Amino acid sequence: MYRMNRRLPAYAYVIFALIAVGIMARFTADPSGMIIPIAVFGIVFLLYKFPPNRWKRYKAASSFNRFAKTKRKRKLFRVIPGNKRDDDDLPKYH
């Protein structure tokens, strides 16, 4: 059942603890073998948090082109300009 306070269930904490113990055991056994995975994870994380500016320009340009190519739907009702009638001839009700 989903709780409103968004706390993780107990088994999730156990799994995270086991993952941390496994990473620490691997690091103490072979520290040089952990450099590449940590570097790759760090680069991916930094690119996710701070994407390069050229990716932003490409994304904005592609979304603009997508909207520019779509046709506008013809509106069902249109306002036709007309002449306003002088209402002075009609009786006024208060």
Protein backbone atom coordinates (compact mmCIF):
# COMPACT_ATOMS: atom_id res chain seq x y z
CA MET A 1 0.00 0.00 0.00
CA TYR A 2 1.28 3.46 -0.90
CA ARG A 3 1.97 5.78 2.00
CA MET A 4 1.77 9.55 1.75
CA ASN A 5 5.02 10.15 3.66
CA ARG A 6 7.00 8.33 0.90
CA ARG A 7 9.14 6.22 3.20
CA LEU A 8 10.78 3.17 1.71
CA PRO A 9 9.83 -0.27 2.98
CA ALA A 10 12.25 -2.08 5.30
CA TYR A 11 13.44 -4.54 2.64
CA ALA A 12 14.60 -1.61 0.46
CA TYR A 13 16.92 -0.44 3.25
CA VAL A 14 18.28 -3.98 3.56
CA ILE A 15 18.95 -4.12 -0.19
CA PHE A 16 20.68 -0.72 -0.17
CA ALA A 17 22.82 -1.80 2.79
CA LEU A 18 23.86 -4.99 0.97
CA ILE A 19 24.73 -2.98 -2.13
CA ALA A 20 26.87 -0.62 -0.05
CA VAL A 21 28.65 -3.55 1.65
CA GLY A 22 29.32 -5.15 -1.75
CA ILE A 23 30.74 -1.94 -3.19
CA MET A 24 32.98 -1.41 -0.14
CA ALA A 25 34.21 -5.04 -0.26
CA ARG A 26 34.99 -4.71 -3.98
CA PHE A 27 36.78 -1.40 -3.37
CA THR A 28 38.94 -2.79 -0.57
CA ALA A 29 39.81 -5.91 -2.60
CA ASP A 30 40.69 -4.13 -5.86
CA PRO A 31 40.65 -0.30 -5.70
CA SER A 32 42.04 0.13 -9.22
CA GLY A 33 39.19 -1.96 -10.65
CA MET A 34 36.64 0.50 -9.27
CA ILE A 35 38.12 3.59 -10.93
CA ILE A 36 36.56 3.01 -14.36
CA PRO A 37 32.99 2.25 -13.14
CA ILE A 38 33.08 5.25 -10.79
CA ALA A 39 34.38 7.51 -13.59
CA VAL A 40 31.72 6.31 -16.04
CA PHE A 41 28.97 6.77 -13.45
CA GLY A 42 30.27 10.25 -12.61
CA ILE A 43 30.41 11.34 -16.26
CA VAL A 44 26.91 10.05 -16.97
CA PHE A 45 25.58 11.76 -13.85
CA LEU A 46 27.22 15.09 -14.75
CA LEU A 47 25.93 14.94 -18.33
CA TYR A 48 22.45 14.22 -17.01
CA LYS A 49 22.50 17.11 -14.52
CA PHE A 50 24.34 19.61 -16.75
CA PRO A 51 23.76 18.81 -20.44
CA PRO A 52 25.93 20.63 -22.98
CA ASN A 53 24.47 23.76 -24.58
CA ARG A 54 24.43 22.27 -28.07
CA TRP A 55 21.98 19.58 -26.89
CA LYS A 56 19.64 22.31 -25.63
CA ARG A 57 19.77 24.16 -28.97
CA TYR A 58 19.07 20.96 -30.90
CA LYS A 59 16.13 20.08 -28.69
CA ALA A 60 14.63 23.58 -28.97
CA ALA A 61 15.08 23.65 -32.76
CA SER A 62 13.51 20.24 -33.25
CA SER A 63 10.49 21.10 -31.12
CA PHE A 64 10.05 24.39 -33.02
CA ASN A 65 10.15 22.64 -36.39
CA ARG A 66 7.67 20.06 -35.21
CA PHE A 67 5.14 22.74 -34.30
CA ALA A 68 5.85 24.84 -37.40
CA LYS A 69 4.98 21.96 -39.74
CA THR A 70 1.60 21.22 -38.22
CA LYS A 71 -1.38 22.71 -39.98
CA ARG A 72 -3.80 24.86 -38.09
CA LYS A 73 -7.28 23.53 -37.74
CA ARG A 74 -9.96 25.67 -39.30
CA LYS A 75 -12.22 27.03 -36.63
CA LEU A 76 -15.81 25.90 -36.69
CA PHE A 77 -17.29 29.31 -35.92
CA ARG A 78 -16.02 32.63 -37.24
CA VAL A 79 -17.02 36.16 -36.32
CA ILE A 80 -18.32 38.01 -39.34
CA PRO A 81 -17.87 41.79 -39.14
CA GLY A 82 -21.16 43.61 -39.37
CA ASN A 83 -22.79 46.96 -38.73
CA LYS A 84 -24.06 47.77 -35.30
CA ARG A 85 -27.66 48.81 -35.30
CA ASP A 86 -28.78 51.97 -33.59
CA ASP A 87 -30.91 50.85 -30.63
CA ASP A 88 -32.50 54.26 -29.98
CA ASP A 89 -35.73 53.19 -31.71
CA LEU A 90 -36.32 50.31 -29.28
CA PRO A 91 -38.03 50.90 -25.95
CA LYS A 92 -35.76 50.73 -22.95
CA TYR A 93 -36.66 48.46 -20.05
CA HIS A 94 -35.21 49.18 -16.66
